Protein backbone atom coordinates (compact mmCIF):
# COMPACT_ATOMS: atom_id res chain seq x y z
CA UNK A 1 36.46 -11.77 -3.29
CA UNK A 2 35.57 -10.77 -6.83
CA UNK A 3 32.49 -13.00 -6.73
CA UNK A 4 31.45 -11.61 -3.34
CA UNK A 5 31.72 -8.03 -4.59
CA UNK A 6 29.62 -8.80 -7.64
CA UNK A 7 26.96 -10.50 -5.49
CA UNK A 8 26.81 -7.46 -3.22
CA UNK A 9 26.50 -5.24 -6.29
CA UNK A 10 23.66 -7.40 -7.68
CA UNK A 11 21.85 -7.34 -4.34
CA UNK A 12 22.25 -3.55 -4.10
CA UNK A 13 20.88 -3.19 -7.63
CA UNK A 14 17.88 -5.37 -6.74
CA UNK A 15 17.16 -3.20 -3.69
CA UNK A 16 17.42 -0.03 -5.73
CA UNK A 17 15.18 -1.48 -8.46
CA UNK A 18 12.60 -2.39 -5.82
CA UNK A 19 12.70 1.09 -4.30
CA UNK A 20 12.38 2.63 -7.76
CA UNK A 21 9.32 0.48 -8.51
CA UNK A 22 7.71 1.39 -5.18
CA UNK A 23 8.31 5.13 -5.66
CA UNK A 24 7.15 4.99 -9.28
CA UNK A 25 3.99 3.08 -8.36
CA UNK A 26 3.20 5.51 -5.53
CA UNK A 27 3.66 8.39 -7.98
CA UNK A 28 1.30 6.77 -10.48
CA UNK A 29 -1.28 6.27 -7.70
CA UNK A 30 -1.09 9.96 -6.74
CA UNK A 31 -1.16 11.17 -10.35
CA UNK A 32 -4.07 8.92 -11.31
CA UNK A 33 -5.96 10.05 -8.22
CA UNK A 34 -5.35 13.68 -9.20
CA UNK A 35 -6.50 13.06 -12.77
CA UNK A 36 -9.47 10.95 -11.61
CA UNK A 37 -8.34 7.81 -13.46
CA UNK A 38 -9.80 5.13 -11.22
CA UNK A 39 -8.69 2.05 -13.20
CA UNK A 40 -5.07 3.16 -13.31
CA UNK A 41 -5.12 3.96 -9.61
CA UNK A 42 -6.53 0.54 -8.67
CA UNK A 43 -3.97 -1.31 -10.78
CA UNK A 44 -1.14 0.78 -9.34
CA UNK A 45 -2.38 0.23 -5.79
CA UNK A 46 -2.50 -3.53 -6.32
CA UNK A 47 1.02 -3.47 -7.76
CA UNK A 48 2.26 -1.29 -4.89
CA UNK A 49 0.82 -3.62 -2.24
CA UNK A 50 2.25 -6.71 -3.96
CA UNK A 51 5.68 -5.10 -4.34
CA UNK A 52 5.71 -4.07 -0.68
CA UNK A 53 4.70 -7.59 0.36
CA UNK A 54 7.51 -9.09 -1.71
CA UNK A 55 10.12 -6.64 -0.39
CA UNK A 56 9.02 -6.88 3.24
CA UNK A 57 8.36 -10.65 3.32
CA UNK A 58 11.08 -11.43 5.88
CA UNK A 59 9.93 -8.57 8.12
CA UNK A 60 6.30 -9.69 7.88
CA UNK A 61 7.18 -13.21 9.01
CA UNK A 62 8.83 -11.93 12.21
CA UNK A 63 5.78 -10.00 13.44
CA UNK A 64 3.74 -11.84 16.13
CA UNK A 65 0.29 -13.07 15.18
CA UNK A 66 -1.50 -11.03 17.87
CA UNK A 67 -0.13 -7.81 16.40
CA UNK A 68 -1.75 -8.73 13.08
CA UNK A 69 -5.05 -9.22 14.88
CA UNK A 70 -4.75 -5.80 16.51
CA UNK A 71 -3.92 -4.07 13.23
CA UNK A 72 -6.77 -5.85 11.44
CA UNK A 73 -9.20 -4.93 14.24
CA UNK A 74 -8.14 -1.29 14.08
CA UNK A 75 -8.56 -1.29 10.30
CA UNK A 76 -12.07 -2.70 10.66
CA UNK A 77 -12.99 -0.02 13.22
CA UNK A 78 -11.69 2.75 10.95
CA UNK A 79 -13.59 1.29 7.99
CA UNK A 80 -16.79 1.08 10.03
CA UNK A 81 -16.32 4.70 11.15
CA UNK A 82 -15.83 5.85 7.58
CA UNK A 83 -18.93 4.01 6.42
CA UNK A 84 -21.00 5.58 9.21
CA UNK A 85 -19.58 9.01 8.38
CA UNK A 86 -20.48 8.62 4.71
CA UNK A 87 -23.99 7.48 5.56
CA UNK A 88 -24.47 10.49 7.83
CA UNK A 89 -23.27 12.84 5.08
CA UNK A 90 -25.69 11.27 2.59
CA UNK A 91 -28.52 11.50 5.13
CA UNK A 92 -27.77 15.16 5.89
CA UNK A 93 -27.58 15.92 2.16
CA UNK A 94 -30.98 14.30 1.58
CA UNK A 95 -32.54 16.18 4.48
CA UNK A 96 -31.36 19.51 3.04
CA UNK A 97 -33.18 18.85 -0.25
């Protein structure tokens, strides 16, 4: 029973450490975005994504493959829309000059 309690305590500490790292990394991303520090923001974003992948690995494996395709397709559509929107803004800006 003593060993089981200590294992539960170690697992709880690992979960709390992971949550702390995620919150800290998200805070660094927001702060570096506010201060316009692009390199720090990119490194923090990469760390945040990797930490989330590690923590949510078992959840990720249980999601059906077709749902991944849908999410990826939606992401591509949003990215294409943003690119078109940026091109239109640049075009309108050039026409005003």
